[in-house]
Protein backbone atom coordinates (compact mmCIF):
# COMPACT_ATOMS: atom_id res chain seq x y z
CA UNK A 1 5.06 5.12 -27.49
CA UNK A 2 4.22 8.65 -27.02
CA UNK A 3 4.14 10.31 -23.26
CA UNK A 4 5.44 13.84 -21.78
CA UNK A 5 8.23 12.44 -20.43
CA UNK A 6 10.15 13.67 -17.25
CA UNK A 7 13.22 15.00 -16.46
CA UNK A 8 16.09 12.15 -15.60
CA UNK A 9 18.14 14.32 -13.38
CA UNK A 10 17.79 17.49 -11.55
CA UNK A 11 20.04 19.17 -14.06
CA UNK A 12 17.29 18.45 -17.07
CA UNK A 13 14.78 20.50 -15.09
CA UNK A 14 15.07 23.70 -17.14
CA UNK A 15 14.88 22.30 -20.30
CA UNK A 16 11.75 19.92 -19.58
CA UNK A 17 9.78 23.18 -17.94
CA UNK A 18 10.97 25.27 -21.23
CA UNK A 19 9.60 22.66 -23.37
CA UNK A 20 6.34 22.14 -21.52
CA UNK A 21 5.63 26.12 -21.23
CA UNK A 22 6.42 26.82 -24.77
CA UNK A 23 3.85 24.01 -26.51
CA UNK A 24 0.47 25.97 -26.33
CA UNK A 25 -1.16 22.72 -27.18
CA UNK A 26 -0.73 22.12 -23.68
CA UNK A 27 -0.85 25.26 -21.78
CA UNK A 28 -2.13 27.98 -24.12
CA UNK A 29 0.10 31.55 -23.13
CA UNK A 30 -0.15 34.55 -24.58
CA UNK A 31 2.62 36.07 -26.24
CA UNK A 32 4.39 32.52 -25.69
CA UNK A 33 7.59 32.51 -27.12
CA UNK A 34 8.32 35.35 -24.72
CA UNK A 35 6.91 34.16 -21.50
CA UNK A 36 7.19 30.63 -21.51
CA UNK A 37 11.46 30.76 -20.61
CA UNK A 38 10.46 33.47 -18.36
CA UNK A 39 8.00 31.29 -16.58
CA UNK A 40 10.68 27.97 -16.86
CA UNK A 41 13.14 30.24 -15.66
CA UNK A 42 11.27 31.61 -12.25
CA UNK A 43 9.70 27.95 -11.62
CA UNK A 44 13.28 26.02 -11.66
CA UNK A 45 14.63 26.00 -8.67
CA UNK A 46 11.43 25.25 -6.76
CA UNK A 47 10.69 22.14 -9.13
CA UNK A 48 14.71 21.40 -9.06
CA UNK A 49 13.50 20.29 -4.94
CA UNK A 50 10.64 18.80 -5.98
CA UNK A 51 12.78 16.27 -7.89
CA UNK A 52 15.31 16.46 -5.50
CA UNK A 53 12.91 15.22 -2.87
CA UNK A 54 11.61 11.99 -5.29
CA UNK A 55 14.96 11.00 -5.60
CA UNK A 56 16.72 13.10 -8.34
CA UNK A 57 14.62 12.63 -11.23
CA UNK A 58 11.34 11.06 -12.42
CA UNK A 59 11.63 7.32 -13.04
CA UNK A 60 9.13 7.56 -15.64
CA UNK A 61 11.92 6.74 -18.79
CA UNK A 62 13.24 3.83 -16.60
CA UNK A 63 9.22 2.49 -16.42
CA UNK A 64 8.31 3.33 -19.91
CA UNK A 65 11.56 1.62 -21.59
CA UNK A 66 10.98 -1.50 -19.12
CA UNK A 67 6.79 -1.53 -20.63
CA UNK A 68 8.24 -1.02 -23.56
CA UNK A 69 10.42 -3.85 -23.78
CA UNK A 70 8.07 -6.42 -22.41
CA UNK A 71 5.19 -5.40 -24.61
CA UNK A 72 7.09 -5.89 -27.55
CA UNK A 73 8.21 -9.62 -26.58
CA UNK A 74 4.35 -10.34 -25.82
CA UNK A 75 3.73 -9.09 -29.19
CA UNK A 76 6.47 -11.26 -31.05
CA UNK A 77 3.66 -14.09 -29.71
CA UNK A 78 0.38 -11.97 -30.36
CA UNK A 79 0.84 -11.09 -33.51
CA UNK A 80 4.03 -12.64 -35.31
CA UNK A 81 2.85 -11.86 -38.56
CA UNK A 82 4.12 -8.42 -38.06
CA UNK A 83 7.60 -9.48 -35.87
CA UNK A 84 10.12 -8.97 -34.57
CA UNK A 85 8.82 -5.58 -33.06
CA UNK A 86 10.80 -2.92 -31.05
CA UNK A 87 9.18 -0.29 -28.46
CA UNK A 88 10.68 3.60 -28.79
CA UNK A 89 10.02 6.13 -26.53
CA UNK A 90 8.70 9.54 -27.63
CA UNK A 91 8.50 12.63 -24.95
CA UNK A 92 7.12 14.96 -26.07
CA UNK A 93 9.02 17.57 -23.17
CA UNK A 94 12.07 15.68 -22.48
CA UNK A 95 14.80 12.93 -23.46
CA UNK A 96 14.07 11.45 -25.47
CA UNK A 97 12.34 13.94 -27.55
CA UNK A 98 10.91 13.06 -30.80
CA UNK A 99 13.67 14.21 -33.01
CA UNK A 100 15.76 12.31 -31.19
CA UNK A 101 13.70 9.18 -31.22
CA UNK A 102 12.97 10.11 -35.39
CA UNK A 103 16.42 9.72 -35.88
CA UNK A 104 16.96 6.23 -33.74
CA UNK A 105 14.00 5.16 -36.37
CA UNK A 106 15.46 5.98 -39.46
CA UNK A 107 18.69 4.90 -38.18
CA UNK A 108 17.13 1.43 -37.46
CA UNK A 109 15.04 1.75 -41.31
CA UNK A 110 11.68 1.72 -39.72
CA UNK A 111 9.39 1.44 -42.39
CA UNK A 112 5.88 0.16 -40.13
CA UNK A 113 5.00 2.30 -37.05
CA UNK A 114 2.27 2.55 -34.30
CA UNK A 115 1.92 6.01 -32.78
CA UNK A 116 1.04 4.32 -29.14
CA UNK A 117 0.02 6.89 -26.59
CA UNK A 118 0.43 6.06 -23.20
CA UNK A 119 -2.03 8.78 -21.91
CA UNK A 120 -4.89 6.12 -21.62
CA UNK A 121 -7.82 9.38 -22.44
CA UNK A 122 -7.05 11.68 -25.26
CA UNK A 123 -6.94 15.16 -25.06
CA UNK A 124 -5.75 17.77 -27.85
CA UNK A 125 -2.85 18.82 -25.13
CA UNK A 126 -1.70 15.40 -24.24
CA UNK A 127 -1.82 13.24 -27.17
CA UNK A 128 -2.95 15.37 -29.67
CA UNK A 129 -0.02 17.48 -28.73
CA UNK A 130 2.60 14.39 -29.13
CA UNK A 131 0.74 13.60 -32.50
CA UNK A 132 1.44 17.22 -33.83
CA UNK A 133 4.92 16.93 -32.98
CA UNK A 134 5.19 13.25 -34.95
CA UNK A 135 3.29 14.90 -38.03
CA UNK A 136 5.97 17.95 -37.59
CA UNK A 137 8.96 15.95 -37.93
CA UNK A 138 7.26 13.67 -40.68
CA UNK A 139 6.50 16.43 -43.07
CA UNK A 140 9.91 17.86 -42.71
CA UNK A 141 11.46 14.70 -43.66
CA UNK A 142 12.76 13.57 -40.95
CA UNK A 143 10.59 10.22 -40.43
CA UNK A 144 10.64 9.05 -43.99
CA UNK A 145 8.90 5.84 -45.72
CA UNK A 146 7.10 4.64 -42.83
CA UNK A 147 3.51 3.62 -42.67
CA UNK A 148 2.08 5.09 -39.80
CA UNK A 149 -0.99 4.21 -37.43
CA UNK A 150 -2.58 5.22 -34.61
CA UNK A 151 -3.42 4.41 -31.24
CA UNK A 152 -5.19 7.07 -29.47
CA UNK A 153 -7.07 6.42 -26.54
CA UNK A 154 -7.51 2.75 -24.58
CA UNK A 155 -9.03 4.43 -21.55
CA UNK A 156 -11.75 1.72 -20.43
CA UNK A 157 -9.58 -1.11 -21.70
CA UNK A 158 -10.01 -4.31 -19.54
CA UNK A 159 -6.83 -4.80 -18.88
CA UNK A 160 -5.99 -1.41 -17.67
CA UNK A 161 -9.09 -1.19 -15.93
CA UNK A 162 -8.23 -4.36 -13.91
CA UNK A 163 -4.73 -3.09 -13.04
CA UNK A 164 -6.15 -0.22 -11.78
CA UNK A 165 -8.39 -2.11 -9.95
CA UNK A 166 -6.07 -4.57 -8.24
CA UNK A 167 -3.83 -1.86 -7.33
CA UNK A 168 -7.09 0.30 -5.15
CA UNK A 169 -7.69 -3.70 -3.78
CA UNK A 170 -4.14 -3.60 -2.54
CA UNK A 171 -4.34 0.13 -0.73
CA UNK A 172 -7.64 -0.80 0.84
CA UNK A 173 -6.38 -4.03 2.04
CA UNK A 174 -4.17 -1.01 4.25
CA UNK A 175 -7.47 -0.11 6.12
CA UNK A 176 -9.25 -2.22 8.70
CA UNK A 177 -11.37 -4.53 7.55
CA UNK A 178 -14.66 -3.39 10.16
CA UNK A 179 -14.39 0.64 8.50
CA UNK A 180 -12.97 -0.35 5.17
CA UNK A 181 -16.27 0.13 3.35
CA UNK A 182 -16.49 3.32 4.38
CA UNK A 183 -12.90 4.78 2.61
CA UNK A 184 -13.28 7.03 0.33
CA UNK A 185 -11.81 6.49 -3.04
CA UNK A 186 -10.46 9.55 -4.37
CA UNK A 187 -9.34 9.13 -8.43
CA UNK A 188 -7.12 12.09 -9.57
CA UNK A 189 -6.20 13.43 -12.65
CA UNK A 190 -4.20 16.09 -14.11
CA UNK A 191 -6.38 18.81 -14.43
CA UNK A 192 -6.79 20.95 -17.88
CA UNK A 193 -7.22 25.08 -18.79
CA UNK A 194 -10.87 25.53 -18.76
CA UNK A 195 -10.43 27.05 -22.06
CA UNK A 196 -9.26 23.57 -23.39
CA UNK A 197 -12.52 22.04 -21.66
CA UNK A 198 -14.73 24.30 -23.07
CA UNK A 199 -13.79 24.37 -27.01
CA UNK A 200 -14.56 20.06 -26.87
CA UNK A 201 -12.00 18.71 -26.04
CA UNK A 202 -12.92 14.89 -24.77
CA UNK A 203 -10.37 14.08 -21.77
CA UNK A 204 -12.91 15.26 -18.91
CA UNK A 205 -15.57 12.73 -20.25
CA UNK A 206 -12.80 10.07 -20.84
CA UNK A 207 -11.04 9.94 -17.31
CA UNK A 208 -14.87 10.00 -16.31
CA UNK A 209 -15.57 6.65 -18.24
CA UNK A 210 -12.05 5.07 -17.12
CA UNK A 211 -13.59 6.20 -13.16
CA UNK A 212 -17.00 4.18 -13.92
CA UNK A 213 -14.75 1.28 -15.19
CA UNK A 214 -12.89 1.10 -12.45
CA UNK A 215 -15.95 1.01 -9.83
CA UNK A 216 -18.01 -0.94 -11.58
CA UNK A 217 -15.25 -3.45 -11.51
CA UNK A 218 -14.86 -2.89 -8.22
CA UNK A 219 -18.88 -3.44 -7.59
CA UNK A 220 -19.10 -0.13 -6.65
CA UNK A 221 -17.85 -0.97 -2.52
CA UNK A 222 -16.94 2.37 -1.99
CA UNK A 223 -17.91 6.13 -2.22
CA UNK A 224 -15.72 7.60 -4.74
CA UNK A 225 -14.97 10.70 -6.79
CA UNK A 226 -13.06 12.34 -9.68
CA UNK A 227 -10.85 15.79 -8.79
CA UNK A 228 -8.09 17.05 -10.66
CA UNK A 229 -4.21 18.01 -9.82
CA UNK A 230 -1.43 19.65 -10.94
CA UNK A 231 -3.35 23.63 -11.92
CA UNK A 232 -0.51 25.75 -13.32
CA UNK A 233 -1.06 29.91 -12.87
CA UNK A 234 -3.70 31.88 -12.63
CA UNK A 235 -6.04 31.11 -15.40
CA UNK A 236 -9.22 28.73 -14.78
CA UNK A 237 -8.72 25.09 -14.29
CA UNK A 238 -10.72 22.10 -13.93
CA UNK A 239 -12.04 21.27 -10.69
CA UNK A 240 -12.13 20.55 -7.71
CA UNK A 241 -8.60 19.94 -7.03
CA UNK A 242 -7.57 17.18 -5.30
CA UNK A 243 -6.40 19.20 -2.16
CA UNK A 244 -9.28 21.28 -1.80
CA UNK A 245 -11.06 17.54 -1.87
CA UNK A 246 -9.27 16.25 0.68
CA UNK A 247 -9.56 19.55 3.19
CA UNK A 248 -13.39 19.23 2.42
CA UNK A 249 -13.54 15.50 3.06
CA UNK A 250 -11.69 15.94 6.90
CA UNK A 251 -14.26 18.48 7.23
CA UNK A 252 -17.38 16.02 6.60
CA UNK A 253 -15.74 13.93 9.18
CA UNK A 254 -14.12 11.02 6.35
CA UNK A 255 -11.07 10.06 8.18
CA UNK A 256 -10.04 6.98 5.27
CA UNK A 257 -9.37 7.74 1.53
CA UNK A 258 -7.21 6.33 -0.95
CA UNK A 259 -5.42 8.04 -3.62
CA UNK A 260 -5.76 7.17 -6.96
CA UNK A 261 -3.72 7.95 -9.86
CA UNK A 262 -6.34 7.28 -13.27
CA UNK A 263 -4.72 9.38 -15.64
CA UNK A 264 -1.07 8.49 -15.14
CA UNK A 265 0.33 5.13 -15.69
CA UNK A 266 4.14 5.50 -14.69
CA UNK A 267 5.39 7.06 -11.21
CA UNK A 268 6.53 10.47 -11.75
CA UNK A 269 6.17 14.07 -10.27
CA UNK A 270 2.81 13.97 -10.58
CA UNK A 271 2.66 10.74 -8.24
CA UNK A 272 5.38 10.84 -6.47
CA UNK A 273 5.53 14.30 -5.11
CA UNK A 274 2.20 15.67 -5.41
CA UNK A 275 0.06 12.76 -4.28
CA UNK A 276 2.68 10.81 -1.96
CA UNK A 277 4.24 13.90 -0.28
CA UNK A 278 2.02 17.11 -1.17
CA UNK A 279 -1.50 15.85 -0.89
CA UNK A 280 -0.93 13.04 1.50
CA UNK A 281 1.21 15.45 4.25
CA UNK A 282 -2.10 17.28 4.30
CA UNK A 283 -4.60 14.90 4.75
CA UNK A 284 -2.87 13.66 7.68
CA UNK A 285 -2.25 16.96 9.14
CA UNK A 286 -6.50 17.02 8.59
CA UNK A 287 -6.89 14.09 10.50
CA UNK A 288 -6.95 11.34 7.54
CA UNK A 289 -5.84 8.37 7.41
CA UNK A 290 -4.19 8.01 3.90
CA UNK A 291 -2.70 5.05 0.83
CA UNK A 292 -2.17 5.66 -2.32
CA UNK A 293 -3.07 2.81 -5.02
CA UNK A 294 0.03 2.06 -6.89
CA UNK A 295 0.91 3.70 -9.88
CA UNK A 296 0.92 0.90 -13.02
CA UNK A 297 4.75 0.53 -13.71
CA UNK A 298 5.47 -2.49 -14.03
CA UNK A 299 2.40 -4.37 -13.29
CA UNK A 300 2.14 -7.57 -15.59
CA UNK A 301 -1.43 -7.29 -15.90
CA UNK A 302 -0.56 -3.73 -17.18
CA UNK A 303 1.53 -4.33 -19.85
CA UNK A 304 0.11 -7.44 -21.00
CA UNK A 305 -3.00 -4.95 -21.46
CA UNK A 306 -0.38 -2.69 -23.37
CA UNK A 307 0.34 -5.69 -25.54
CA UNK A 308 -3.37 -6.87 -26.20
CA UNK A 309 -4.22 -3.47 -27.12
CA UNK A 310 -1.28 -3.39 -29.72
CA UNK A 311 -2.06 -6.60 -30.72
CA UNK A 312 -5.57 -5.85 -31.50
CA UNK A 313 -4.59 -2.98 -33.27
CA UNK A 314 -1.90 -4.62 -35.70
CA UNK A 315 -4.66 -7.05 -36.51
CA UNK A 316 -7.58 -4.89 -37.21
CA UNK A 317 -5.02 -2.29 -39.43
CA UNK A 318 -3.32 -5.25 -40.91
CA UNK A 319 -6.38 -7.04 -42.45
CA UNK A 320 -8.31 -4.02 -43.05
CA UNK A 321 -11.30 -4.53 -40.31
CA UNK A 322 -9.76 -0.83 -39.57
CA UNK A 323 -8.05 2.14 -41.08
CA UNK A 324 -4.54 3.95 -39.67
CA UNK A 325 -7.07 6.29 -37.41
CA UNK A 326 -9.94 5.75 -34.90
CA UNK A 327 -13.30 7.18 -35.56
CA UNK A 328 -12.96 9.11 -32.82
CA UNK A 329 -9.51 10.74 -33.57
CA UNK A 330 -11.41 11.82 -37.20
CA UNK A 331 -13.57 14.54 -34.88
CA UNK A 332 -11.69 18.00 -33.86
CA UNK A 333 -13.18 19.47 -30.71
CA UNK A 334 -15.90 21.65 -32.09
CA UNK A 335 -14.23 24.80 -31.04
CA UNK A 336 -10.84 23.81 -32.38
CA UNK A 337 -9.21 26.57 -34.12
CA UNK A 338 -5.80 24.94 -34.39
CA UNK A 339 -4.98 24.26 -37.82
CA UNK A 340 -1.82 21.86 -37.20
CA UNK A 341 -4.51 19.87 -35.61
CA UNK A 342 -6.43 19.56 -38.88
CA UNK A 343 -3.83 19.04 -41.23
CA UNK A 344 -2.11 15.77 -38.42
CA UNK A 345 -5.85 14.24 -38.29
CA UNK A 346 -5.58 14.47 -41.95
CA UNK A 347 -1.93 12.59 -42.25
CA UNK A 348 -2.49 10.14 -40.04
CA UNK A 349 -5.57 8.94 -41.71
CA UNK A 350 -3.24 8.81 -44.73
CA UNK A 351 -0.97 6.51 -42.98
CA UNK A 352 1.38 9.59 -42.69
CA UNK A 353 1.70 10.51 -46.29
């Protein structure tokens, strides 16, 4: 289960930030090896305060482990041919890091594994970065004799769409019935630098497809927009930004908003701090009543969706109906110049050989 991760305690914040800013796949920086530690050191006190404000750390590891355990139990029933199943967590920037997970898998004697991204929509900066790191560990001999396949995107899977839609409906129910249809649904996703967007990264398209699928399930009951959050640094990022959208809606006289995390499946700092404490506070100051659709966390519908996705993948790969990777994963961004990306895709296409 591949994800960005987050510091489980405030004390882990600096290491998390350093790992994050060192990753050129996520945040391309000039002189990255020099600038990244400086930026991490400068930002640590501010981000530590944010983790303090949400309870002393990120709950993403707790939720990912819970999701994995319940998914594995369902998989034992859905696809007994490959049972027993065990879920491992491999975070990119916080513990357990990929190298820790590799050691655990080696100790367990794992011979068959699925790299299952926990980002519903694919980006080279998120899923791609995690797969690049897994590839580097494999090439270094840290995960020997493992047959790999990849679940690289699933942002329009019916179970995922249903789980998000149910949470939107619960949030909408908090508004008076008489004005409920006037409520604006504001889907918010982590933004990307325009340098990544402009090289052909599919993330914007895939997030948009997720939003369209959820709105179809909701029968287009409300007006909606897709906006972007978590911009870092002075360079151009995909917009418009969530905070600016809320100000604009207030100026247009909109008084009711549901904030919907569409690219985050578990609560972490982007939902618990940015959406709940920062943006919601700003919205209320502008006269908007705002409620957030819950993250998927321990949703049984969502966990069943994860199991269904994995079971279908295992069936297709085991029976030869599909290869180790999807057709879409094989296509590099038209503007890609990252040699590791091409090597990684070829490696996984050969089953990690």
